[in-house]
Amino acid sequence: MQFDTVFRNVQVVDGTGADPYNADVAISGDRIAAIGDLAGCEASQIIDGAGKALAPGFIDVHTHDDTNVIRFPECLPKISQGVTTVIVGNCGISASPAVLAGDPPDPMNLLGKQQDFKYPSFASYAQAVTQAEPAVNVAALVGHTTLRNNEMDDLFRPASTTEVQAMKRQLHEAMEQGALGLSSGLAYATAKQAPTEEVMALVEELAEFEGIYTTHMRTEFEQILEAMEEAFKTGKHGKVPVVISHLKCAGAGNWGRTVEVLDLMEKTAQHQDVACDCYPYSASSSTLDLKQVTGEIDIFITWSEAHPEYAGKMLKDIAAEMALPLMEAAKQLQPAGAVYHCMDEADVERVLKYRLTMVGSDGLPNDPHPHPRLWGSFPRVLGYYSRERQLFSLGQAIHKMTGMSAKRYCLKDRGEIKQGAYADIVLFDPNTIIDIASFENPIAAAKGIDAVMVNGSISYQKGQVSEQRSGRFLYRHQA
């Protein structure tokens, strides 16, 4: 039997949550052709795994790589940590369908500048990704805030009936063109004034396409349970699955409440299709939000348009230099970006371990001093939380970043090592894999990733992205 590639002598971690097993894995074209003892077979390329782990390529379910997969198609922060598929369009902000008359409003500015928003239809965005040939696969949600910005002259109010109808038409068209579903970012000022009914009207467009609703909830602070109830109610109204984005209990007064939060999630899951994602860090990152400015936690400024010289410093130190109160200093920096050390480590572990939690990096690739999650999330789960903290087994950890994610987002034939599945594969050393990116030095490739294969082609090896990139645009339910 002749194959294109055979991985010999590997420990297969198949993405289902099962324990690893020893086997050889053969690839023909873009698919996994055989698994087992393939000692007698021939192949154009044989890779000796030397007993290392072979897993499905990691699926980053929560990214803001919308315009970056086109502008920087090497996707080094992602492929270097074993990610082979990114889901874009999270938190209510998406690069398509979008038409900007001026500068992108907060938080759409996280995705790029005005000139980066040039995809008036979902199909035009998908086509642009295909032409860019990124190193990773891309699947996309449609952002609620993006739809609002297309139709409204003022984002700080509820949408009118006419505006909601126009948004519904745009969303329907995007779903017809292969979008995964709708995301919202109700915590941000540009969507905060949208009543529940506005979002409920939009999710009505999703069920016929078997779409999904993901949400950066209205709050992750004191009123978190009410915000979760709103999210579940919205999904129930639309008869669609709900994913709570980057589930956390933010703010020192909220620490420890993940017990209540996960209890509500579990009770709801008994009668409704719900899940969540989370990143493996106790600090969050976004634009500088005045509502989150407090002396209770450390706030690190990552960029500032008004005062770029203060990027890379703590807000309290900047305030001291400016001889201003904390809030006044924050106002002077706007618009700006920040990392908020706002979570308790025990809460992070509790959410990460929860049975319905997937892994998503929520990395901000346009941030000049990004949160280390951009480069380190997946190796951190495997090296720190699985191997060192023993929060879950290697098989369970891989499941949270592969099989569970592919099933949740209807990515057909992805996320598992099985015959006939797409050959999105990561070869790594489970004994040494670890994140290197830190808050001080956030741009650093992880250790322990030997090779990454995307759609049957080796795309990353020895720290280098292959010149031939093999990522594809993935449409909902596409085989």
Protein backbone atom coordinates (compact mmCIF):
# COMPACT_ATOMS: atom_id res chain seq x y z
CA MET A 1 0.00 0.00 0.00
CA GLN A 2 1.41 3.42 -1.00
CA PHE A 3 0.66 6.46 1.18
CA ASP A 4 1.79 10.09 1.02
CA THR A 5 2.89 10.32 4.67
CA VAL A 6 3.15 7.82 7.49
CA PHE A 7 3.67 8.81 11.12
CA ARG A 8 5.37 5.79 12.69
CA ASN A 9 5.71 4.89 16.35
CA VAL A 10 3.36 7.50 17.78
CA GLN A 11 1.07 7.68 20.78
CA VAL A 12 -2.31 8.48 19.23
CA VAL A 13 -4.47 10.86 21.28
CA ASP A 14 -7.53 10.68 19.05
CA GLY A 15 -9.62 13.68 20.16
CA THR A 16 -12.50 11.68 21.64
CA GLY A 17 -11.28 11.87 25.24
CA ALA A 18 -10.07 8.25 25.13
CA ASP A 19 -6.70 7.18 26.52
CA PRO A 20 -3.73 7.33 24.11
CA TYR A 21 -2.72 4.18 22.23
CA ASN A 22 0.33 3.22 20.15
CA ALA A 23 -0.05 3.01 16.37
CA ASP A 24 1.12 4.24 12.99
CA VAL A 25 -1.03 6.78 11.11
CA ALA A 26 -1.04 7.03 7.30
CA ILE A 27 -2.13 10.00 5.20
CA SER A 28 -3.29 10.00 1.57
CA GLY A 29 -4.10 13.37 0.02
CA ASP A 30 -5.85 15.50 2.64
CA ARG A 31 -7.29 12.59 4.66
CA ILE A 32 -6.25 10.00 7.21
CA ALA A 33 -6.11 6.76 5.24
CA ALA A 34 -5.14 4.11 7.81
CA ILE A 35 -4.34 3.64 11.50
CA GLY A 36 -2.62 0.59 13.00
CA ASP A 37 0.56 -1.42 12.47
CA LEU A 38 1.70 -0.17 9.07
CA ALA A 39 5.21 -1.63 9.17
CA GLY A 40 5.10 -3.07 5.64
CA CYS A 41 3.63 -0.10 3.83
CA GLU A 42 5.39 2.42 1.60
CA ALA A 43 5.13 6.19 1.80
CA SER A 44 6.60 9.21 0.10
CA GLN A 45 7.40 10.61 3.54
CA ILE A 46 7.92 8.67 6.76
CA ILE A 47 8.04 10.60 10.04
CA ASP A 48 9.32 8.68 13.05
CA GLY A 49 7.38 9.97 16.03
CA ALA A 50 9.76 8.30 18.51
CA GLY A 51 6.88 7.59 20.88
CA LYS A 52 5.63 11.19 20.96
CA ALA A 53 1.95 12.16 20.92
CA LEU A 54 -0.03 12.54 17.71
CA ALA A 55 -3.27 14.49 18.13
CA PRO A 56 -5.84 16.17 15.91
CA GLY A 57 -4.89 19.77 15.10
CA PHE A 58 -6.14 22.11 17.82
CA ILE A 59 -9.26 24.15 17.09
CA ASP A 60 -9.14 27.66 18.55
CA VAL A 61 -12.86 28.33 19.03
CA HIS A 62 -12.43 31.90 20.21
CA THR A 63 -10.22 34.15 18.09
CA HIS A 64 -10.08 37.66 16.70
CA ASP A 65 -7.93 36.70 13.73
CA ASP A 66 -10.61 37.88 11.24
CA THR A 67 -8.44 40.20 9.14
CA ASN A 68 -5.07 38.75 10.22
CA VAL A 69 -5.56 35.42 8.46
CA ILE A 70 -5.66 37.49 5.24
CA ARG A 71 -3.03 40.14 6.04
CA PHE A 72 -0.57 37.76 7.77
CA PRO A 73 -1.44 34.34 6.33
CA GLU A 74 1.52 32.57 7.95
CA CYS A 75 -0.58 32.68 11.17
CA LEU A 76 2.58 32.01 13.19
CA PRO A 77 1.09 32.69 16.66
CA LYS A 78 -1.47 29.96 16.01
CA ILE A 79 0.24 27.26 13.98
CA SER A 80 3.31 27.38 16.22
CA GLN A 81 1.18 26.14 19.13
CA GLY A 82 -0.51 23.37 17.12
CA VAL A 83 -3.67 25.21 16.10
CA THR A 84 -4.91 24.12 12.67
CA THR A 85 -8.35 25.81 12.67
CA VAL A 86 -9.44 29.21 13.99
CA ILE A 87 -13.00 30.39 14.53
CA VAL A 88 -13.29 34.13 13.93
CA GLY A 89 -16.12 36.64 14.38
CA ASN A 90 -16.41 36.33 18.17
CA CYS A 91 -17.68 38.84 20.78
CA GLY A 92 -20.09 40.52 18.36
CA ILE A 93 -17.31 41.78 16.08
CA SER A 94 -16.58 40.28 12.67
CA ALA A 95 -14.82 41.39 9.49
CA SER A 96 -17.90 40.49 7.49
CA PRO A 97 -20.45 41.41 6.40
CA ALA A 98 -19.13 44.88 7.16
CA VAL A 99 -19.13 48.30 5.56
CA LEU A 100 -17.41 51.10 7.50
CA ALA A 101 -18.03 54.77 6.80
CA GLY A 102 -15.21 55.82 9.15
CA ASP A 103 -12.92 54.43 11.82
CA PRO A 104 -14.10 51.13 13.31
CA PRO A 105 -15.96 51.68 16.59
CA ASP A 106 -14.77 50.08 19.82
CA PRO A 107 -14.31 47.08 20.02
CA MET A 108 -14.30 46.49 16.22
CA ASN A 109 -10.98 48.37 16.29
CA LEU A 110 -9.46 45.20 17.79
CA LEU A 111 -9.72 43.61 14.33
CA GLY A 112 -7.89 46.31 12.39
CA LYS A 113 -8.21 49.72 10.76
CA GLN A 114 -10.96 51.00 8.46
CA GLN A 115 -9.15 49.76 5.34
CA ASP A 116 -9.15 46.20 6.75
CA PHE A 117 -12.96 46.04 6.69
CA LYS A 118 -13.60 45.49 3.00
CA TYR A 119 -15.93 42.50 2.93
CA PRO A 120 -19.53 43.68 2.42
CA SER A 121 -20.77 40.08 2.21
CA PHE A 122 -19.84 36.90 4.03
CA ALA A 123 -19.07 35.29 0.67
CA SER A 124 -16.57 38.03 -0.21
CA TYR A 125 -14.76 37.42 3.09
CA ALA A 126 -14.66 33.66 2.51
CA GLN A 127 -13.26 34.26 -0.96
CA ALA A 128 -10.57 36.61 0.39
CA VAL A 129 -9.48 34.00 2.96
CA THR A 130 -9.31 31.35 0.23
CA GLN A 131 -7.18 33.63 -1.96
CA ALA A 132 -4.83 34.45 0.94
CA GLU A 133 -4.13 30.73 1.50
CA PRO A 134 -3.59 30.98 5.27
CA ALA A 135 -1.57 28.35 7.11
CA VAL A 136 -4.65 27.38 9.16
CA ASN A 137 -8.30 26.66 8.40
CA VAL A 138 -10.77 29.47 9.06
CA ALA A 139 -14.47 29.29 10.00
CA ALA A 140 -16.50 32.38 10.86
CA LEU A 141 -19.34 33.73 12.97
CA VAL A 142 -21.21 36.95 12.19
CA GLY A 143 -20.96 39.68 14.81
CA HIS A 144 -24.04 41.42 16.22
CA THR A 145 -22.11 44.70 16.69
CA THR A 146 -20.91 44.51 13.10
CA LEU A 147 -24.52 44.17 11.91
CA ARG A 148 -25.55 47.10 14.13
CA ASN A 149 -22.76 49.24 12.73
CA ASN A 150 -23.90 48.46 9.18
CA GLU A 151 -27.44 49.65 9.84
CA MET A 152 -27.35 52.22 12.67
CA ASP A 153 -26.16 55.81 12.82
CA ASP A 154 -25.86 55.62 16.61
CA LEU A 155 -24.77 52.45 18.41
CA PHE A 156 -25.63 53.76 21.86
CA ARG A 157 -29.36 53.06 21.59
CA PRO A 158 -31.65 50.12 20.80
CA ALA A 159 -32.14 49.32 17.10
CA SER A 160 -35.45 50.28 15.51
CA THR A 161 -37.78 47.64 14.06
CA THR A 162 -36.63 48.59 10.56
CA GLU A 163 -32.97 48.30 11.56
CA VAL A 164 -33.55 44.90 13.18
CA GLN A 165 -35.24 43.65 10.00
CA ALA A 166 -32.27 44.84 7.92
CA MET A 167 -29.85 43.07 10.30
CA LYS A 168 -31.93 39.90 10.07
CA ARG A 169 -31.69 39.96 6.27
CA GLN A 170 -27.91 40.37 6.38
CA LEU A 171 -27.54 37.55 8.90
CA HIS A 172 -29.81 35.27 6.86
CA GLU A 173 -27.71 35.88 3.75
CA ALA A 174 -24.49 35.17 5.66
CA MET A 175 -25.97 31.91 6.98
CA GLU A 176 -26.91 30.93 3.42
CA GLN A 177 -23.28 31.59 2.48
CA GLY A 178 -21.91 29.28 5.18
CA ALA A 179 -21.50 31.28 8.40
CA LEU A 180 -21.43 29.28 11.64
CA GLY A 181 -23.88 31.50 13.47
CA LEU A 182 -24.17 34.75 15.42
CA SER A 183 -21.93 36.16 18.14
CA SER A 184 -22.72 39.04 20.48
CA GLY A 185 -20.63 41.31 22.70
CA LEU A 186 -23.26 42.77 24.99
CA ALA A 187 -20.73 43.93 27.59
CA TYR A 188 -19.36 46.55 25.20
CA ALA A 189 -20.88 50.04 25.08
CA THR A 190 -21.59 49.68 21.33
CA ALA A 191 -23.99 46.78 22.03
CA LYS A 192 -24.94 47.40 25.66
CA GLN A 193 -28.10 49.31 24.67
CA ALA A 194 -29.36 46.41 22.56
CA PRO A 195 -32.27 44.91 24.50
CA THR A 196 -32.57 41.13 24.79
CA GLU A 197 -35.42 41.26 22.25
CA GLU A 198 -33.08 42.70 19.59
CA VAL A 199 -30.72 39.73 19.87
CA MET A 200 -33.60 37.27 20.12
CA ALA A 201 -34.99 38.57 16.84
CA LEU A 202 -31.63 37.90 15.17
CA VAL A 203 -31.16 34.37 16.51
CA GLU A 204 -34.49 33.48 14.88
CA GLU A 205 -32.50 33.35 11.61
CA LEU A 206 -30.17 30.58 12.82
CA ALA A 207 -32.24 27.44 13.45
CA GLU A 208 -33.05 26.56 9.84
CA PHE A 209 -29.30 26.47 9.16
CA GLU A 210 -28.44 24.60 12.38
CA GLY A 211 -26.44 27.66 13.42
CA ILE A 212 -25.04 28.53 16.83
CA TYR A 213 -25.25 31.54 19.17
CA THR A 214 -22.10 32.56 21.07
CA THR A 215 -21.99 35.46 23.48
CA HIS A 216 -19.61 37.70 25.37
CA MET A 217 -22.32 38.23 27.97
CA ARG A 218 -23.70 41.50 29.23
CA THR A 219 -21.51 41.18 32.31
CA GLU A 220 -18.98 38.81 33.86
CA PHE A 221 -19.05 40.70 37.15
CA GLU A 222 -21.66 40.78 39.95
CA GLN A 223 -24.73 40.19 37.75
CA ILE A 224 -23.19 37.21 35.95
CA LEU A 225 -26.00 34.75 36.74
CA GLU A 226 -28.60 37.13 35.28
CA ALA A 227 -26.39 37.57 32.20
CA MET A 228 -26.20 33.79 31.78
CA GLU A 229 -29.97 33.49 32.09
CA GLU A 230 -30.34 36.11 29.35
CA ALA A 231 -27.98 34.14 27.08
CA PHE A 232 -29.81 30.87 27.67
CA LYS A 233 -33.20 32.53 27.14
CA THR A 234 -31.96 33.96 23.83
CA GLY A 235 -30.77 30.58 22.61
CA LYS A 236 -33.96 28.90 23.73
CA HIS A 237 -36.02 31.46 21.83
CA GLY A 238 -34.06 30.74 18.64
CA LYS A 239 -33.95 26.97 19.28
CA VAL A 240 -30.17 26.98 18.84
CA PRO A 241 -27.15 25.91 20.93
CA VAL A 242 -25.52 28.55 23.14
CA VAL A 243 -21.81 28.99 23.87
CA ILE A 244 -20.82 31.37 26.67
CA SER A 245 -17.57 32.98 25.52
CA HIS A 246 -14.51 33.04 27.82
CA LEU A 247 -16.54 32.09 30.90
CA LYS A 248 -15.08 33.73 33.99
CA CYS A 249 -15.92 35.45 37.25
CA ALA A 250 -14.30 38.86 36.84
CA GLY A 251 -13.55 41.31 39.63
CA ALA A 252 -12.23 40.56 43.11
CA GLY A 253 -15.73 40.68 44.59
CA ASN A 254 -16.75 37.84 42.28
CA TRP A 255 -13.95 35.38 43.05
CA GLY A 256 -15.09 31.89 44.00
CA ARG A 257 -18.48 32.25 42.31
CA THR A 258 -17.64 29.81 39.52
CA VAL A 259 -19.22 27.21 41.81
CA GLU A 260 -22.60 28.95 41.33
CA VAL A 261 -21.92 29.73 37.70
CA LEU A 262 -21.12 26.14 36.76
CA ASP A 263 -24.04 24.89 38.81
CA LEU A 264 -26.37 27.06 36.70
CA MET A 265 -24.65 25.86 33.52
CA GLU A 266 -25.07 22.22 34.55
CA LYS A 267 -28.74 22.63 35.49
CA THR A 268 -29.45 24.37 32.18
CA ALA A 269 -27.54 21.70 30.23
CA GLN A 270 -30.03 19.07 31.43
CA HIS A 271 -32.71 20.53 29.13
CA GLN A 272 -30.87 22.87 26.74
CA ASP A 273 -27.81 22.60 24.46
CA VAL A 274 -25.27 24.89 26.17
CA ALA A 275 -21.48 25.03 26.52
CA CYS A 276 -18.65 27.49 27.14
CA ASP A 277 -15.08 28.23 26.22
CA CYS A 278 -12.27 29.62 28.34
CA TYR A 279 -8.62 30.60 28.08
CA PRO A 280 -6.07 29.23 30.57
CA TYR A 281 -5.06 32.47 32.31
CA SER A 282 -6.27 34.54 35.25
CA ALA A 283 -5.98 37.84 33.36
CA SER A 284 -8.27 39.15 30.63
CA SER A 285 -7.47 41.52 27.77
CA SER A 286 -9.48 43.95 25.65
CA THR A 287 -9.78 47.63 24.97
CA LEU A 288 -9.38 49.89 28.01
CA ASP A 289 -12.86 49.94 29.52
CA LEU A 290 -13.42 52.71 32.07
CA LYS A 291 -16.05 50.57 33.82
CA GLN A 292 -13.30 48.09 34.68
CA VAL A 293 -10.83 50.65 36.00
CA THR A 294 -10.30 50.00 39.70
CA GLY A 295 -7.45 50.05 42.19
CA GLU A 296 -8.36 46.49 43.31
CA ILE A 297 -6.49 44.78 40.47
CA ASP A 298 -3.40 45.35 38.31
CA ILE A 299 -4.19 46.87 34.91
CA PHE A 300 -1.45 46.72 32.29
CA ILE A 301 -1.70 49.11 29.31
CA THR A 302 -0.89 47.35 26.02
CA TRP A 303 -1.38 50.30 23.63
CA SER A 304 -2.63 53.89 23.64
CA GLU A 305 -3.33 56.06 20.63
CA ALA A 306 -3.27 59.27 22.69
CA HIS A 307 -0.08 58.37 24.59
CA PRO A 308 1.82 55.54 22.87
CA GLU A 309 4.78 56.18 25.17
CA TYR A 310 2.84 54.63 28.07
CA ALA A 311 2.30 51.25 26.37
CA GLY A 312 3.87 48.44 28.37
CA LYS A 313 3.30 50.04 31.79
CA MET A 314 0.88 49.49 34.68
CA LEU A 315 -1.98 51.97 34.83
CA LYS A 316 -1.20 52.83 38.48
CA ASP A 317 2.37 53.76 37.50
CA ILE A 318 1.13 55.84 34.57
CA ALA A 319 -1.30 57.65 36.89
CA ALA A 320 1.58 58.39 39.28
CA GLU A 321 3.70 59.75 36.40
CA MET A 322 0.81 61.89 35.18
CA ALA A 323 0.04 62.98 38.76
CA LEU A 324 -3.62 62.10 38.12
CA PRO A 325 -6.19 59.84 39.80
CA LEU A 326 -6.45 56.37 38.24
CA MET A 327 -9.68 57.08 36.34
CA GLU A 328 -8.45 60.41 34.96
CA ALA A 329 -5.25 58.79 33.74
CA ALA A 330 -7.29 56.06 32.02
CA LYS A 331 -9.38 58.72 30.26
CA GLN A 332 -6.22 60.45 29.04
CA LEU A 333 -5.01 57.22 27.40
CA GLN A 334 -8.15 56.55 25.34
CA PRO A 335 -8.49 54.82 22.96
CA ALA A 336 -6.25 52.17 24.47
CA GLY A 337 -5.84 48.46 25.21
CA ALA A 338 -5.37 46.73 28.54
CA VAL A 339 -4.68 43.45 30.32
CA TYR A 340 -6.76 43.09 33.51
CA HIS A 341 -5.50 40.79 36.27
CA CYS A 342 -9.08 40.28 37.35
CA MET A 343 -9.57 36.56 38.02
CA ASP A 344 -8.83 34.02 40.71
CA GLU A 345 -6.69 31.04 39.66
CA ALA A 346 -9.01 28.55 41.42
CA ASP A 347 -11.91 29.85 39.30
CA VAL A 348 -9.87 29.45 36.11
CA GLU A 349 -9.10 25.82 36.98
CA ARG A 350 -12.70 25.08 37.90
CA VAL A 351 -14.02 26.39 34.58
CA LEU A 352 -11.24 24.79 32.53
CA LYS A 353 -11.93 21.39 34.09
CA TYR A 354 -15.71 21.59 33.59
CA ARG A 355 -17.06 18.93 31.23
CA LEU A 356 -18.64 21.37 28.76
CA THR A 357 -15.66 23.73 28.46
CA MET A 358 -13.70 24.08 25.22
CA VAL A 359 -10.38 25.90 24.90
CA GLY A 360 -10.21 29.22 23.07
CA SER A 361 -7.31 31.67 23.16
CA ASP A 362 -9.18 34.98 22.74
CA GLY A 363 -5.81 36.35 21.60
CA LEU A 364 -5.64 39.87 20.16
CA PRO A 365 -3.20 39.67 17.24
CA ASN A 366 -3.14 43.41 16.51
CA ASP A 367 -2.09 44.31 20.04
CA PRO A 368 1.56 45.52 20.00
CA HIS A 369 2.07 43.95 23.45
CA PRO A 370 -0.48 41.12 23.40
CA HIS A 371 -1.73 38.97 26.24
CA PRO A 372 0.42 35.78 26.19
CA ARG A 373 -2.69 33.72 25.40
CA LEU A 374 -2.21 34.68 21.73
CA TRP A 375 0.92 32.49 21.50
CA GLY A 376 0.59 30.13 24.45
CA SER A 377 -2.96 28.96 25.25
CA PHE A 378 -2.95 25.39 23.92
CA PRO A 379 0.55 24.32 25.06
CA ARG A 380 -0.28 25.87 28.44
CA VAL A 381 -3.34 23.64 28.81
CA LEU A 382 -1.27 20.57 27.92
CA GLY A 383 1.95 21.41 29.75
CA TYR A 384 0.83 23.31 32.82
CA TYR A 385 -2.77 22.31 33.48
CA SER A 386 -2.70 18.68 32.30
CA ARG A 387 0.88 17.52 32.93
CA GLU A 388 1.89 19.67 35.93
CA ARG A 389 -1.38 20.47 37.69
CA GLN A 390 -3.00 17.17 36.61
CA LEU A 391 -6.33 18.93 36.20
CA PHE A 392 -7.32 16.36 33.58
CA SER A 393 -5.74 13.57 31.57
CA LEU A 394 -3.93 14.18 28.28
CA GLY A 395 -6.85 12.56 26.44
CA GLN A 396 -9.38 14.85 28.11
CA ALA A 397 -7.24 17.93 27.49
CA ILE A 398 -6.96 17.14 23.77
CA HIS A 399 -10.72 16.48 23.57
CA LYS A 400 -11.42 19.98 24.91
CA MET A 401 -9.41 21.50 22.05
CA THR A 402 -10.34 19.14 19.20
CA GLY A 403 -13.23 16.68 19.07
CA MET A 404 -15.54 18.60 21.39
CA SER A 405 -14.93 21.82 19.47
CA ALA A 406 -15.40 20.31 16.00
CA LYS A 407 -18.70 18.74 17.01
CA ARG A 408 -19.95 21.93 18.69
CA TYR A 409 -19.23 24.08 15.62
CA CYS A 410 -20.31 21.51 13.00
CA LEU A 411 -16.83 21.18 11.48
CA LYS A 412 -17.36 17.91 9.66
CA ASP A 413 -14.56 15.32 9.67
CA ARG A 414 -12.30 17.51 11.82
CA GLY A 415 -11.14 17.19 15.42
CA GLU A 416 -10.49 13.43 15.53
CA ILE A 417 -7.83 11.02 14.37
CA LYS A 418 -9.91 8.41 12.57
CA GLN A 419 -9.91 6.89 9.13
CA GLY A 420 -11.48 9.27 6.61
CA ALA A 421 -11.06 12.42 8.73
CA TYR A 422 -9.13 15.41 7.39
CA ALA A 423 -5.43 15.19 8.15
CA ASP A 424 -5.16 18.16 10.52
CA ILE A 425 -2.55 16.76 12.89
CA VAL A 426 -0.08 17.83 15.60
CA LEU A 427 2.99 15.84 16.62
CA PHE A 428 4.23 16.97 20.04
CA ASP A 429 6.18 15.80 23.06
CA PRO A 430 3.75 15.49 26.00
CA ASN A 431 6.71 15.55 28.40
CA THR A 432 8.10 18.90 27.29
CA ILE A 433 5.27 20.87 25.66
CA ILE A 434 4.85 24.21 27.43
CA ASP A 435 3.99 27.82 26.73
CA ILE A 436 6.92 30.26 26.68
CA ALA A 437 4.96 33.49 26.14
CA SER A 438 4.71 35.58 29.33
CA PHE A 439 3.13 38.90 30.26
CA GLU A 440 6.61 40.46 30.09
CA ASN A 441 7.61 38.77 26.80
CA PRO A 442 4.35 37.73 25.14
CA ILE A 443 5.60 37.05 21.61
CA ALA A 444 7.26 33.64 21.89
CA ALA A 445 6.60 30.28 20.24
CA ALA A 446 5.83 27.34 22.51
CA LYS A 447 8.19 24.45 23.16
CA GLY A 448 7.48 20.81 22.36
CA ILE A 449 5.62 21.09 19.03
CA ASP A 450 7.49 18.94 16.49
CA ALA A 451 5.27 19.19 13.41
CA VAL A 452 1.86 20.46 12.37
CA MET A 453 -0.03 19.10 9.37
CA VAL A 454 -2.97 20.95 7.79
CA ASN A 455 -5.14 19.14 5.23
CA GLY A 456 -2.45 16.54 4.64
CA SER A 457 0.51 18.90 4.20
CA ILE A 458 3.25 19.55 6.75
CA SER A 459 2.70 23.24 7.45
CA TYR A 460 4.96 23.86 10.45
CA GLN A 461 8.17 22.10 11.43
CA LYS A 462 11.35 23.07 13.29
CA GLY A 463 9.92 26.48 14.14
CA GLN A 464 9.16 27.39 10.54
CA VAL A 465 5.91 27.83 8.61
CA SER A 466 6.02 25.97 5.29
CA GLU A 467 6.10 28.10 2.15
CA GLN A 468 3.19 26.06 0.84
CA ARG A 469 0.26 26.92 3.11
CA SER A 470 -2.73 24.55 3.13
CA GLY A 471 -5.45 26.18 5.25
CA ARG A 472 -8.98 26.40 3.87
CA PHE A 473 -12.14 28.33 4.54
CA LEU A 474 -14.55 26.01 6.33
CA TYR A 475 -18.25 26.51 5.73
CA ARG A 476 -20.82 25.27 8.24
CA HIS A 477 -21.52 21.51 7.77
CA GLN A 478 -19.13 21.41 4.80
CA ALA A 479 -17.79 17.89 4.19
